[in-house]
Amino acid sequence: MQQLPGSLIDIEYYLPEQVVHNSYFRDRFPEWKVDQTALRTGVLERHIACQGETAYDLALVAAKKLLDKNPSLSEKIDGIIFCTQSPDYVMPSNAFLLQRDLGLKKNILAFDYNLACSGFIYGLVMATSFIRSSVAKNLLLVTADTYSKYLAEGDRSTRMLFGDGAAVSWIGQIDDCGTEPLISSFGDFLLSSDGSGWDQFVIRSGANRQPKSCREAPDYNDKIAMNGLRVLNFVNDRVIKQLFELLANNCLAAEDIDQFFFHQASGLALESLRKKLKIGDEQMFSNLSAIGNTVSASVPILIKDYFSHNRLPKGSRLLLSGFGVGYSWGSMLATK
């Protein structure tokens, strides 16, 4: 089992104040059969950004919470890695705005990357690689999205599933943090991609392939189009295979993992993963019902919520997994 350097020291997150309950959809769209749909999505309410509120705004609040909690961190930060598919601008990257607004030193690395629900796992691999190569010692891994701005008003499958949110994770070294980390070490990982699934979860219009100047075209669509069944099949096939491969590579079985932290994709997806892995509810914490699918912020919010209410013995085995748009999927072993 390979070990990656660095630890997940702390996480802070922020959700928009506006909460949309399923009762809103029940009243507005009586034909949606909201209660039946909620059984599939697993979502009862979600936080939705206001019209002028962006993913960056959410991330800035989360970052300030993290720095207020850890006053000495500001001077230690060597880099900002910002994962989002809903940036403030085409350019520059949100990471530069965060460096500016947090008043951080200028000799730090900063960049954005475009990934969805696998973004946190990919970000952990990048962050630990920077630490291993001595490029950085302490990084902010930011995962933030406001998918609500990409949802069609009458699309039941997406509007009842997604919520907005931002998480900021401190990836650093235990001997330099002065506090007990949420996750002490990262282990083996697998990252996978399959571009043949690009059109199963896509926004086709609004970028350079079909720009806003083509709004009058009959096929123009700048909202999310999701093939929910295909995405679920992808989880049941590719993601499950990756999880079993990662376990087998490290001579582990599902019952050896103390806690799984899965991307909160949907109720159907989580239940399928639980059944195929043959794990108990106590091994698979979920906060999906209260916040929905928060895309790249899903896994770190889940980790923060779990450790805010639960304790695991030092040395407990963890497995983190994110999967979605691309197709893109990644899984990582870790230790408390």
C-alpha atoms as a PDB file:
ATOM      1  CA  MET A   1       0.000   0.000   0.000  1.00  0.00           C
ATOM      2  CA  GLN A   2       1.653   3.194  -1.133  1.00  0.00           C
ATOM      3  CA  GLN A   3       1.593   6.139   1.239  1.00  0.00           C
ATOM      4  CA  LEU A   4       1.138   9.717   0.126  1.00  0.00           C
ATOM      5  CA  PRO A   5       2.592  12.567   2.189  1.00  0.00           C
ATOM      6  CA  GLY A   6       0.481  15.099   3.995  1.00  0.00           C
ATOM      7  CA  SER A   7      -2.681  15.016   6.073  1.00  0.00           C
ATOM      8  CA  LEU A   8      -6.175  16.436   5.891  1.00  0.00           C
ATOM      9  CA  ILE A   9      -5.816  18.806   8.807  1.00  0.00           C
ATOM     10  CA  ASP A  10      -9.186  20.536   8.799  1.00  0.00           C
ATOM     11  CA  ILE A  11     -12.210  21.432   6.665  1.00  0.00           C
ATOM     12  CA  GLU A  12     -14.681  24.280   6.784  1.00  0.00           C
ATOM     13  CA  TYR A  13     -17.631  24.623   4.466  1.00  0.00           C
ATOM     14  CA  TYR A  14     -20.416  27.039   3.692  1.00  0.00           C
ATOM     15  CA  LEU A  15     -23.899  26.490   2.281  1.00  0.00           C
ATOM     16  CA  PRO A  16     -26.145  29.286   0.975  1.00  0.00           C
ATOM     17  CA  GLU A  17     -28.734  30.545   3.436  1.00  0.00           C
ATOM     18  CA  GLN A  18     -31.622  29.937   1.037  1.00  0.00           C
ATOM     19  CA  VAL A  19     -33.093  26.466   1.621  1.00  0.00           C
ATOM     20  CA  VAL A  20     -35.502  24.869  -0.856  1.00  0.00           C
ATOM     21  CA  HIS A  21     -37.624  22.096   0.644  1.00  0.00           C
ATOM     22  CA  ASN A  22     -39.408  19.441  -1.379  1.00  0.00           C
ATOM     23  CA  SER A  23     -42.663  21.126  -0.406  1.00  0.00           C
ATOM     24  CA  TYR A  24     -41.698  23.937  -2.813  1.00  0.00           C
ATOM     25  CA  PHE A  25     -41.693  21.504  -5.747  1.00  0.00           C
ATOM     26  CA  ARG A  26     -44.823  19.754  -4.478  1.00  0.00           C
ATOM     27  CA  ASP A  27     -46.719  23.050  -4.504  1.00  0.00           C
ATOM     28  CA  ARG A  28     -45.270  24.416  -7.738  1.00  0.00           C
ATOM     29  CA  PHE A  29     -45.176  21.227  -9.802  1.00  0.00           C
ATOM     30  CA  PRO A  30     -47.949  18.887  -8.606  1.00  0.00           C
ATOM     31  CA  GLU A  31     -47.426  16.678 -11.676  1.00  0.00           C
ATOM     32  CA  TRP A  32     -43.869  15.835 -10.572  1.00  0.00           C
ATOM     33  CA  LYS A  33     -44.889  13.177  -8.010  1.00  0.00           C
ATOM     34  CA  VAL A  34     -42.366  14.714  -5.654  1.00  0.00           C
ATOM     35  CA  ASP A  35     -42.560  12.081  -2.921  1.00  0.00           C
ATOM     36  CA  GLN A  36     -41.810   9.271  -5.370  1.00  0.00           C
ATOM     37  CA  THR A  37     -38.938  11.222  -6.915  1.00  0.00           C
ATOM     38  CA  ALA A  38     -37.510  11.951  -3.461  1.00  0.00           C
ATOM     39  CA  LEU A  39     -37.259   8.209  -2.815  1.00  0.00           C
ATOM     40  CA  ARG A  40     -34.889   7.973  -5.797  1.00  0.00           C
ATOM     41  CA  THR A  41     -32.886  11.141  -5.189  1.00  0.00           C
ATOM     42  CA  GLY A  42     -32.743  10.751  -1.405  1.00  0.00           C
ATOM     43  CA  VAL A  43     -32.953  14.537  -1.063  1.00  0.00           C
ATOM     44  CA  LEU A  44     -35.495  16.319   1.149  1.00  0.00           C
ATOM     45  CA  GLU A  45     -34.000  19.816   1.029  1.00  0.00           C
ATOM     46  CA  ARG A  46     -31.072  21.636  -0.516  1.00  0.00           C
ATOM     47  CA  HIS A  47     -29.307  24.999  -0.177  1.00  0.00           C
ATOM     48  CA  ILE A  48     -29.541  27.184  -3.278  1.00  0.00           C
ATOM     49  CA  ALA A  49     -27.437  30.259  -4.044  1.00  0.00           C
ATOM     50  CA  CYS A  50     -29.223  33.558  -4.554  1.00  0.00           C
ATOM     51  CA  GLN A  51     -29.165  35.237  -7.946  1.00  0.00           C
ATOM     52  CA  GLY A  52     -26.019  37.282  -7.303  1.00  0.00           C
ATOM     53  CA  GLU A  53     -24.264  34.658  -5.151  1.00  0.00           C
ATOM     54  CA  THR A  54     -21.507  32.620  -6.824  1.00  0.00           C
ATOM     55  CA  ALA A  55     -19.479  29.538  -6.003  1.00  0.00           C
ATOM     56  CA  TYR A  56     -16.573  31.869  -5.300  1.00  0.00           C
ATOM     57  CA  ASP A  57     -18.638  33.817  -2.757  1.00  0.00           C
ATOM     58  CA  LEU A  58     -19.412  30.569  -0.927  1.00  0.00           C
ATOM     59  CA  ALA A  59     -15.763  29.513  -1.027  1.00  0.00           C
ATOM     60  CA  LEU A  60     -14.578  32.839   0.361  1.00  0.00           C
ATOM     61  CA  VAL A  61     -16.852  32.480   3.404  1.00  0.00           C
ATOM     62  CA  ALA A  62     -15.651  28.901   3.964  1.00  0.00           C
ATOM     63  CA  ALA A  63     -12.001  29.943   3.632  1.00  0.00           C
ATOM     64  CA  LYS A  64     -12.422  32.775   6.132  1.00  0.00           C
ATOM     65  CA  LYS A  65     -14.041  30.345   8.580  1.00  0.00           C
ATOM     66  CA  LEU A  66     -11.034  28.042   8.238  1.00  0.00           C
ATOM     67  CA  LEU A  67      -8.517  30.845   8.751  1.00  0.00           C
ATOM     68  CA  ASP A  68     -10.436  32.289  11.708  1.00  0.00           C
ATOM     69  CA  LYS A  69     -10.373  28.867  13.329  1.00  0.00           C
ATOM     70  CA  ASN A  70      -6.651  28.421  12.595  1.00  0.00           C
ATOM     71  CA  PRO A  71      -5.120  31.914  13.011  1.00  0.00           C
ATOM     72  CA  SER A  72      -1.545  30.866  12.167  1.00  0.00           C
ATOM     73  CA  LEU A  73      -2.535  29.214   8.885  1.00  0.00           C
ATOM     74  CA  SER A  74      -2.503  32.337   6.690  1.00  0.00           C
ATOM     75  CA  GLU A  75       1.279  32.657   6.787  1.00  0.00           C
ATOM     76  CA  LYS A  76       1.756  28.936   6.140  1.00  0.00           C
ATOM     77  CA  ILE A  77      -0.268  28.604   2.945  1.00  0.00           C
ATOM     78  CA  ASP A  78       1.906  27.777  -0.058  1.00  0.00           C
ATOM     79  CA  GLY A  79      -0.848  27.207  -2.594  1.00  0.00           C
ATOM     80  CA  ILE A  80      -4.508  27.305  -3.570  1.00  0.00           C
ATOM     81  CA  ILE A  81      -6.025  24.570  -5.722  1.00  0.00           C
ATOM     82  CA  PHE A  82      -9.584  25.488  -6.695  1.00  0.00           C
ATOM     83  CA  CYS A  83     -11.971  22.956  -8.227  1.00  0.00           C
ATOM     84  CA  THR A  84     -15.113  24.370  -9.832  1.00  0.00           C
ATOM     85  CA  GLN A  85     -17.293  24.144 -12.910  1.00  0.00           C
ATOM     86  CA  SER A  86     -19.035  27.413 -12.100  1.00  0.00           C
ATOM     87  CA  PRO A  87     -16.282  30.048 -11.957  1.00  0.00           C
ATOM     88  CA  ASP A  88     -16.881  33.776 -11.603  1.00  0.00           C
ATOM     89  CA  TYR A  89     -15.068  34.566 -14.844  1.00  0.00           C
ATOM     90  CA  VAL A  90     -13.807  32.818 -17.958  1.00  0.00           C
ATOM     91  CA  MET A  91     -10.498  34.256 -16.799  1.00  0.00           C
ATOM     92  CA  PRO A  92      -8.817  34.706 -14.363  1.00  0.00           C
ATOM     93  CA  SER A  93      -9.181  31.644 -12.163  1.00  0.00           C
ATOM     94  CA  ASN A  94     -11.057  31.834  -8.877  1.00  0.00           C
ATOM     95  CA  ALA A  95      -7.852  30.811  -7.079  1.00  0.00           C
ATOM     96  CA  PHE A  96      -6.290  34.207  -7.811  1.00  0.00           C
ATOM     97  CA  LEU A  97      -9.335  35.997  -6.428  1.00  0.00           C
ATOM     98  CA  LEU A  98      -9.094  33.962  -3.245  1.00  0.00           C
ATOM     99  CA  GLN A  99      -5.399  34.784  -2.823  1.00  0.00           C
ATOM    100  CA  ARG A 100      -6.287  38.453  -3.208  1.00  0.00           C
ATOM    101  CA  ASP A 101      -9.283  38.528  -0.869  1.00  0.00           C
ATOM    102  CA  LEU A 102      -7.617  36.475   1.865  1.00  0.00           C
ATOM    103  CA  GLY A 103      -4.570  38.735   1.743  1.00  0.00           C
ATOM    104  CA  LEU A 104      -2.194  35.806   1.339  1.00  0.00           C
ATOM    105  CA  LYS A 105       1.457  36.109   0.418  1.00  0.00           C
ATOM    106  CA  LYS A 106       2.262  36.347  -3.283  1.00  0.00           C
ATOM    107  CA  ASN A 107       4.878  33.602  -3.580  1.00  0.00           C
ATOM    108  CA  ILE A 108       2.268  30.843  -3.661  1.00  0.00           C
ATOM    109  CA  LEU A 109       0.927  28.647  -6.448  1.00  0.00           C
ATOM    110  CA  ALA A 110      -2.700  29.184  -7.455  1.00  0.00           C
ATOM    111  CA  PHE A 111      -4.850  27.613 -10.150  1.00  0.00           C
ATOM    112  CA  ASP A 112      -8.316  26.278 -10.927  1.00  0.00           C
ATOM    113  CA  TYR A 113      -9.219  22.928 -12.433  1.00  0.00           C
ATOM    114  CA  ASN A 114     -12.457  21.837 -14.041  1.00  0.00           C
ATOM    115  CA  LEU A 115     -13.849  18.659 -12.520  1.00  0.00           C
ATOM    116  CA  ALA A 116     -17.158  17.751 -10.949  1.00  0.00           C
ATOM    117  CA  CYS A 117     -17.877  15.019  -8.432  1.00  0.00           C
ATOM    118  CA  SER A 118     -14.454  13.353  -8.643  1.00  0.00           C
ATOM    119  CA  GLY A 119     -12.747  16.696  -8.079  1.00  0.00           C
ATOM    120  CA  PHE A 120     -11.911  16.302  -4.397  1.00  0.00           C
ATOM    121  CA  ILE A 121     -10.115  12.988  -4.914  1.00  0.00           C
ATOM    122  CA  TYR A 122      -8.129  14.357  -7.841  1.00  0.00           C
ATOM    123  CA  GLY A 123      -7.327  17.432  -5.764  1.00  0.00           C
ATOM    124  CA  LEU A 124      -5.992  15.316  -2.911  1.00  0.00           C
ATOM    125  CA  VAL A 125      -3.660  13.516  -5.322  1.00  0.00           C
ATOM    126  CA  MET A 126      -2.406  16.843  -6.682  1.00  0.00           C
ATOM    127  CA  ALA A 127      -1.972  18.382  -3.241  1.00  0.00           C
ATOM    128  CA  THR A 128      -0.051  15.424  -1.830  1.00  0.00           C
ATOM    129  CA  SER A 129       2.098  15.352  -4.978  1.00  0.00           C
ATOM    130  CA  PHE A 130       3.067  18.974  -4.405  1.00  0.00           C
ATOM    131  CA  ILE A 131       3.976  18.130  -0.813  1.00  0.00           C
ATOM    132  CA  ARG A 132       5.981  15.069  -1.872  1.00  0.00           C
ATOM    133  CA  SER A 133       7.971  17.118  -4.385  1.00  0.00           C
ATOM    134  CA  SER A 134       8.618  19.886  -1.789  1.00  0.00           C
ATOM    135  CA  VAL A 135       6.761  22.436  -3.914  1.00  0.00           C
ATOM    136  CA  ALA A 136       4.469  23.171  -0.979  1.00  0.00           C
ATOM    137  CA  LYS A 137       3.891  22.227   2.660  1.00  0.00           C
ATOM    138  CA  ASN A 138       0.393  23.611   3.257  1.00  0.00           C
ATOM    139  CA  LEU A 139      -2.332  23.996   0.649  1.00  0.00           C
ATOM    140  CA  LEU A 140      -5.950  25.052   0.491  1.00  0.00           C
ATOM    141  CA  LEU A 141      -7.957  22.608  -1.590  1.00  0.00           C
ATOM    142  CA  VAL A 142     -11.147  24.438  -2.520  1.00  0.00           C
ATOM    143  CA  THR A 143     -14.158  22.641  -3.974  1.00  0.00           C
ATOM    144  CA  ALA A 144     -17.146  24.835  -4.812  1.00  0.00           C
ATOM    145  CA  ASP A 145     -20.049  24.779  -7.235  1.00  0.00           C
ATOM    146  CA  THR A 146     -23.402  26.417  -7.843  1.00  0.00           C
ATOM    147  CA  TYR A 147     -25.029  23.960 -10.225  1.00  0.00           C
ATOM    148  CA  SER A 148     -28.397  25.572  -9.488  1.00  0.00           C
ATOM    149  CA  LYS A 149     -27.484  28.249 -12.030  1.00  0.00           C
ATOM    150  CA  TYR A 150     -27.275  25.546 -14.708  1.00  0.00           C
ATOM    151  CA  LEU A 151     -30.585  23.826 -13.966  1.00  0.00           C
ATOM    152  CA  ALA A 152     -33.639  24.153 -16.190  1.00  0.00           C
ATOM    153  CA  GLU A 153     -36.726  25.325 -14.321  1.00  0.00           C
ATOM    154  CA  GLY A 154     -38.797  22.346 -15.384  1.00  0.00           C
ATOM    155  CA  ASP A 155     -36.174  19.577 -15.072  1.00  0.00           C
ATOM    156  CA  ARG A 156     -37.359  17.430 -12.174  1.00  0.00           C
ATOM    157  CA  SER A 157     -34.368  15.046 -12.235  1.00  0.00           C
ATOM    158  CA  THR A 158     -31.779  17.780 -11.666  1.00  0.00           C
ATOM    159  CA  ARG A 159     -33.681  20.402  -9.676  1.00  0.00           C
ATOM    160  CA  MET A 160     -34.653  17.932  -6.961  1.00  0.00           C
ATOM    161  CA  LEU A 161     -31.139  16.489  -6.746  1.00  0.00           C
ATOM    162  CA  PHE A 162     -28.526  19.247  -6.679  1.00  0.00           C
ATOM    163  CA  GLY A 163     -27.621  21.749  -3.989  1.00  0.00           C
ATOM    164  CA  ASP A 164     -24.967  24.477  -3.897  1.00  0.00           C
ATOM    165  CA  GLY A 165     -22.009  24.583  -1.540  1.00  0.00           C
ATOM    166  CA  ALA A 166     -18.303  25.151  -0.993  1.00  0.00           C
ATOM    167  CA  ALA A 167     -15.672  23.408   1.119  1.00  0.00           C
ATOM    168  CA  VAL A 168     -12.104  24.484   1.887  1.00  0.00           C
ATOM    169  CA  SER A 169      -9.720  21.763   3.036  1.00  0.00           C
ATOM    170  CA  TRP A 170      -6.324  22.300   4.629  1.00  0.00           C
ATOM    171  CA  ILE A 171      -3.847  19.759   3.324  1.00  0.00           C
ATOM    172  CA  GLY A 172      -0.585  19.918   5.255  1.00  0.00           C
ATOM    173  CA  GLN A 173       1.822  18.118   7.556  1.00  0.00           C
ATOM    174  CA  ILE A 174       0.934  16.833  11.007  1.00  0.00           C
ATOM    175  CA  ASP A 175       4.115  18.070  12.651  1.00  0.00           C
ATOM    176  CA  ASP A 176       3.377  21.614  11.509  1.00  0.00           C
ATOM    177  CA  CYS A 177      -0.345  21.926  12.216  1.00  0.00           C
ATOM    178  CA  GLY A 178      -0.581  21.980  16.017  1.00  0.00           C
ATOM    179  CA  THR A 179      -3.916  20.151  15.977  1.00  0.00           C
ATOM    180  CA  GLU A 180      -5.276  16.650  15.485  1.00  0.00           C
ATOM    181  CA  PRO A 181      -5.991  16.109  11.776  1.00  0.00           C
ATOM    182  CA  LEU A 182      -9.274  14.784  10.445  1.00  0.00           C
ATOM    183  CA  ILE A 183      -7.315  12.277   8.333  1.00  0.00           C
ATOM    184  CA  SER A 184      -3.714  11.595   9.312  1.00  0.00           C
ATOM    185  CA  SER A 185      -2.460   9.902   6.140  1.00  0.00           C
ATOM    186  CA  PHE A 186      -3.419   9.080   2.574  1.00  0.00           C
ATOM    187  CA  GLY A 187      -2.776   5.705   1.000  1.00  0.00           C
ATOM    188  CA  ASP A 188      -3.187   4.056  -2.367  1.00  0.00           C
ATOM    189  CA  PHE A 189      -5.489   5.519  -5.005  1.00  0.00           C
ATOM    190  CA  LEU A 190      -6.960   4.915  -8.449  1.00  0.00           C
ATOM    191  CA  LEU A 191      -8.018   7.626 -10.915  1.00  0.00           C
ATOM    192  CA  SER A 192     -10.015   6.841 -14.056  1.00  0.00           C
ATOM    193  CA  SER A 193     -11.543   8.631 -17.045  1.00  0.00           C
ATOM    194  CA  ASP A 194     -13.762   7.707 -19.969  1.00  0.00           C
ATOM    195  CA  GLY A 195     -14.567  10.489 -22.397  1.00  0.00           C
ATOM    196  CA  SER A 196     -17.043   8.323 -24.292  1.00  0.00           C
ATOM    197  CA  GLY A 197     -19.521   9.254 -21.563  1.00  0.00           C
ATOM    198  CA  TRP A 198     -19.109  12.985 -22.118  1.00  0.00           C
ATOM    199  CA  ASP A 199     -22.677  13.488 -23.351  1.00  0.00           C
ATOM    200  CA  GLN A 200     -24.436  11.670 -20.501  1.00  0.00           C
ATOM    201  CA  PHE A 201     -24.008  14.686 -18.224  1.00  0.00           C
ATOM    202  CA  VAL A 202     -23.376  17.803 -20.243  1.00  0.00           C
ATOM    203  CA  ILE A 203     -24.041  21.473 -20.858  1.00  0.00           C
ATOM    204  CA  ARG A 204     -23.832  21.608 -24.647  1.00  0.00           C
ATOM    205  CA  SER A 205     -24.120  25.339 -25.246  1.00  0.00           C
ATOM    206  CA  GLY A 206     -22.681  28.566 -23.946  1.00  0.00           C
ATOM    207  CA  ALA A 207     -18.954  27.868 -24.396  1.00  0.00           C
ATOM    208  CA  ASN A 208     -16.907  28.079 -27.608  1.00  0.00           C
ATOM    209  CA  ARG A 209     -18.347  25.011 -29.398  1.00  0.00           C
ATOM    210  CA  GLN A 210     -21.784  26.636 -29.480  1.00  0.00           C
ATOM    211  CA  PRO A 211     -21.403  30.155 -28.080  1.00  0.00           C
ATOM    212  CA  LYS A 212     -24.074  32.467 -26.740  1.00  0.00           C
ATOM    213  CA  SER A 213     -24.278  34.105 -30.170  1.00  0.00           C
ATOM    214  CA  CYS A 214     -26.043  30.910 -31.308  1.00  0.00           C
ATOM    215  CA  ARG A 215     -28.929  31.288 -28.841  1.00  0.00           C
ATOM    216  CA  GLU A 216     -31.481  31.174 -31.667  1.00  0.00           C
ATOM    217  CA  ALA A 217     -30.305  27.753 -32.868  1.00  0.00           C
ATOM    218  CA  PRO A 218     -32.981  25.071 -32.268  1.00  0.00           C
ATOM    219  CA  ASP A 219     -30.513  22.815 -30.434  1.00  0.00           C
ATOM    220  CA  TYR A 220     -29.096  25.542 -28.161  1.00  0.00           C
ATOM    221  CA  ASN A 221     -29.203  24.390 -24.523  1.00  0.00           C
ATOM    222  CA  ASP A 222     -27.109  26.039 -21.809  1.00  0.00           C
ATOM    223  CA  LYS A 223     -28.632  23.963 -19.003  1.00  0.00           C
ATOM    224  CA  ILE A 224     -27.518  20.605 -17.628  1.00  0.00           C
ATOM    225  CA  ALA A 225     -28.753  17.581 -19.553  1.00  0.00           C
ATOM    226  CA  MET A 226     -28.360  14.415 -17.462  1.00  0.00           C
ATOM    227  CA  ASN A 227     -29.100  10.838 -18.442  1.00  0.00           C
ATOM    228  CA  GLY A 228     -29.768   9.601 -14.916  1.00  0.00           C
ATOM    229  CA  LEU A 229     -30.074   5.922 -15.848  1.00  0.00           C
ATOM    230  CA  ARG A 230     -26.775   5.897 -17.752  1.00  0.00           C
ATOM    231  CA  VAL A 231     -25.011   7.667 -14.893  1.00  0.00           C
ATOM    232  CA  LEU A 232     -26.408   5.132 -12.410  1.00  0.00           C
ATOM    233  CA  ASN A 233     -25.235   2.282 -14.650  1.00  0.00           C
ATOM    234  CA  PHE A 234     -21.791   3.887 -14.724  1.00  0.00           C
ATOM    235  CA  VAL A 235     -21.719   3.843 -10.914  1.00  0.00           C
ATOM    236  CA  ASN A 236     -22.883   0.232 -10.791  1.00  0.00           C
ATOM    237  CA  ASP A 237     -20.234  -0.859 -13.264  1.00  0.00           C
ATOM    238  CA  ARG A 238     -17.107   1.305 -13.390  1.00  0.00           C
ATOM    239  CA  VAL A 239     -17.120   2.742  -9.884  1.00  0.00           C
ATOM    240  CA  ILE A 240     -17.832  -0.595  -8.217  1.00  0.00           C
ATOM    241  CA  LYS A 241     -15.040  -2.256 -10.207  1.00  0.00           C
ATOM    242  CA  GLN A 242     -12.610   0.471  -9.182  1.00  0.00           C
ATOM    243  CA  LEU A 243     -13.511   0.107  -5.516  1.00  0.00           C
ATOM    244  CA  PHE A 244     -12.975  -3.651  -5.556  1.00  0.00           C
ATOM    245  CA  GLU A 245      -9.714  -3.214  -7.495  1.00  0.00           C
ATOM    246  CA  LEU A 246      -8.383  -0.707  -4.972  1.00  0.00           C
ATOM    247  CA  LEU A 247      -9.284  -3.011  -2.085  1.00  0.00           C
ATOM    248  CA  ALA A 248      -7.756  -6.052  -3.783  1.00  0.00           C
ATOM    249  CA  ASN A 249      -4.550  -4.163  -4.619  1.00  0.00           C
ATOM    250  CA  ASN A 250      -4.093  -3.594  -0.908  1.00  0.00           C
ATOM    251  CA  CYS A 251      -5.206  -7.051   0.289  1.00  0.00           C
ATOM    252  CA  LEU A 252      -8.346  -5.604   1.861  1.00  0.00           C
ATOM    253  CA  ALA A 253     -12.046  -6.447   1.797  1.00  0.00           C
ATOM    254  CA  ALA A 254     -14.956  -4.068   2.225  1.00  0.00           C
ATOM    255  CA  GLU A 255     -15.469  -5.223   5.812  1.00  0.00           C
ATOM    256  CA  ASP A 256     -11.917  -4.056   6.626  1.00  0.00           C
ATOM    257  CA  ILE A 257     -12.909  -0.427   5.981  1.00  0.00           C
ATOM    258  CA  ASP A 258     -14.195   1.399   9.056  1.00  0.00           C
ATOM    259  CA  GLN A 259     -15.881   4.210   7.134  1.00  0.00           C
ATOM    260  CA  PHE A 260     -16.645   4.861   3.460  1.00  0.00           C
ATOM    261  CA  PHE A 261     -16.970   8.465   2.298  1.00  0.00           C
ATOM    262  CA  PHE A 262     -18.813   8.344  -1.018  1.00  0.00           C
ATOM    263  CA  HIS A 263     -19.764  11.279  -3.177  1.00  0.00           C
ATOM    264  CA  GLN A 264     -23.408  11.949  -2.341  1.00  0.00           C
ATOM    265  CA  ALA A 265     -24.644  11.300  -5.859  1.00  0.00           C
ATOM    266  CA  SER A 266     -28.198  10.148  -5.172  1.00  0.00           C
ATOM    267  CA  GLY A 267     -30.097   7.830  -2.871  1.00  0.00           C
ATOM    268  CA  LEU A 268     -30.244   5.162  -5.575  1.00  0.00           C
ATOM    269  CA  ALA A 269     -26.492   5.333  -6.236  1.00  0.00           C
ATOM    270  CA  LEU A 270     -25.553   5.147  -2.544  1.00  0.00           C
ATOM    271  CA  GLU A 271     -27.887   2.227  -1.873  1.00  0.00           C
ATOM    272  CA  SER A 272     -26.486   0.376  -4.875  1.00  0.00           C
ATOM    273  CA  LEU A 273     -22.918   0.883  -3.652  1.00  0.00           C
ATOM    274  CA  ARG A 274     -23.848  -0.316  -0.179  1.00  0.00           C
ATOM    275  CA  LYS A 275     -25.489  -3.483  -1.487  1.00  0.00           C
ATOM    276  CA  LYS A 276     -22.749  -4.382  -3.958  1.00  0.00           C
ATOM    277  CA  LEU A 277     -20.043  -3.877  -1.317  1.00  0.00           C
ATOM    278  CA  LYS A 278     -22.196  -5.707   1.262  1.00  0.00           C
ATOM    279  CA  ILE A 279     -21.511  -3.125   3.940  1.00  0.00           C
ATOM    280  CA  GLY A 280     -23.691  -1.963   6.806  1.00  0.00           C
ATOM    281  CA  ASP A 281     -25.261   1.460   7.207  1.00  0.00           C
ATOM    282  CA  GLU A 282     -22.800   2.209  10.024  1.00  0.00           C
ATOM    283  CA  GLN A 283     -19.917   2.010   7.507  1.00  0.00           C
ATOM    284  CA  MET A 284     -21.456   4.512   5.093  1.00  0.00           C
ATOM    285  CA  PHE A 285     -22.361   7.899   6.536  1.00  0.00           C
ATOM    286  CA  SER A 286     -24.659  10.113   4.442  1.00  0.00           C
ATOM    287  CA  ASN A 287     -25.848  13.720   4.655  1.00  0.00           C
ATOM    288  CA  LEU A 288     -27.594  13.690   1.270  1.00  0.00           C
ATOM    289  CA  SER A 289     -31.133  14.260   2.528  1.00  0.00           C
ATOM    290  CA  ALA A 290     -30.328  17.653   4.077  1.00  0.00           C
ATOM    291  CA  ILE A 291     -28.056  19.235   1.447  1.00  0.00           C
ATOM    292  CA  GLY A 292     -28.424  17.284  -1.796  1.00  0.00           C
ATOM    293  CA  ASN A 293     -25.686  16.554  -4.301  1.00  0.00           C
ATOM    294  CA  THR A 294     -23.145  19.373  -3.872  1.00  0.00           C
ATOM    295  CA  VAL A 295     -20.857  18.139  -6.665  1.00  0.00           C
ATOM    296  CA  SER A 296     -17.130  18.709  -5.961  1.00  0.00           C
ATOM    297  CA  ALA A 297     -17.847  19.857  -2.385  1.00  0.00           C
ATOM    298  CA  SER A 298     -19.781  16.695  -1.556  1.00  0.00           C
ATOM    299  CA  VAL A 299     -17.004  14.489  -0.127  1.00  0.00           C
ATOM    300  CA  PRO A 300     -15.250  17.107   2.055  1.00  0.00           C
ATOM    301  CA  ILE A 301     -18.591  18.315   3.459  1.00  0.00           C
ATOM    302  CA  LEU A 302     -19.422  14.688   4.212  1.00  0.00           C
ATOM    303  CA  ILE A 303     -16.098  14.161   6.014  1.00  0.00           C
ATOM    304  CA  LYS A 304     -16.525  17.336   8.052  1.00  0.00           C
ATOM    305  CA  ASP A 305     -20.078  16.419   9.061  1.00  0.00           C
ATOM    306  CA  TYR A 306     -19.070  12.903  10.025  1.00  0.00           C
ATOM    307  CA  PHE A 307     -16.191  13.909  12.272  1.00  0.00           C
ATOM    308  CA  SER A 308     -18.248  16.705  13.807  1.00  0.00           C
ATOM    309  CA  HIS A 309     -20.572  14.071  15.280  1.00  0.00           C
ATOM    310  CA  ASN A 310     -18.542  10.854  15.353  1.00  0.00           C
ATOM    311  CA  ARG A 311     -15.188   9.633  16.589  1.00  0.00           C
ATOM    312  CA  LEU A 312     -13.032   6.903  15.106  1.00  0.00           C
ATOM    313  CA  PRO A 313      -9.976   5.370  16.782  1.00  0.00           C
ATOM    314  CA  LYS A 314      -6.608   6.478  15.481  1.00  0.00           C
ATOM    315  CA  GLY A 315      -5.535   4.117  12.714  1.00  0.00           C
ATOM    316  CA  SER A 316      -9.062   3.448  11.442  1.00  0.00           C
ATOM    317  CA  ARG A 317      -9.233   2.648   7.736  1.00  0.00           C
ATOM    318  CA  LEU A 318     -11.155   5.001   5.443  1.00  0.00           C
ATOM    319  CA  LEU A 319     -12.076   4.898   1.769  1.00  0.00           C
ATOM    320  CA  LEU A 320     -12.950   8.053  -0.181  1.00  0.00           C
ATOM    321  CA  SER A 321     -14.585   7.953  -3.615  1.00  0.00           C
ATOM    322  CA  GLY A 322     -15.934  10.523  -6.064  1.00  0.00           C
ATOM    323  CA  PHE A 323     -17.497   9.952  -9.482  1.00  0.00           C
ATOM    324  CA  GLY A 324     -19.449  11.776 -12.160  1.00  0.00           C
ATOM    325  CA  VAL A 325     -19.164  14.105 -15.145  1.00  0.00           C
ATOM    326  CA  GLY A 326     -16.674  13.047 -17.778  1.00  0.00           C
ATOM    327  CA  TYR A 327     -16.980  10.204 -17.026  1.00  0.00           C
ATOM    328  CA  SER A 328     -14.458  10.700 -14.232  1.00  0.00           C
ATOM    329  CA  TRP A 329     -14.006   8.631 -11.101  1.00  0.00           C
ATOM    330  CA  GLY A 330     -11.410   8.286  -8.363  1.00  0.00           C
ATOM    331  CA  SER A 331     -10.988   6.432  -5.088  1.00  0.00           C
ATOM    332  CA  MET A 332      -8.428   6.658  -2.286  1.00  0.00           C
ATOM    333  CA  LEU A 333      -7.577   4.772   0.877  1.00  0.00           C
ATOM    334  CA  ALA A 334      -6.760   6.797   3.967  1.00  0.00           C
ATOM    335  CA  THR A 335      -6.105   6.416   7.700  1.00  0.00           C
ATOM    336  CA  LYS A 336      -7.621   8.331  10.608  1.00  0.00           C
END
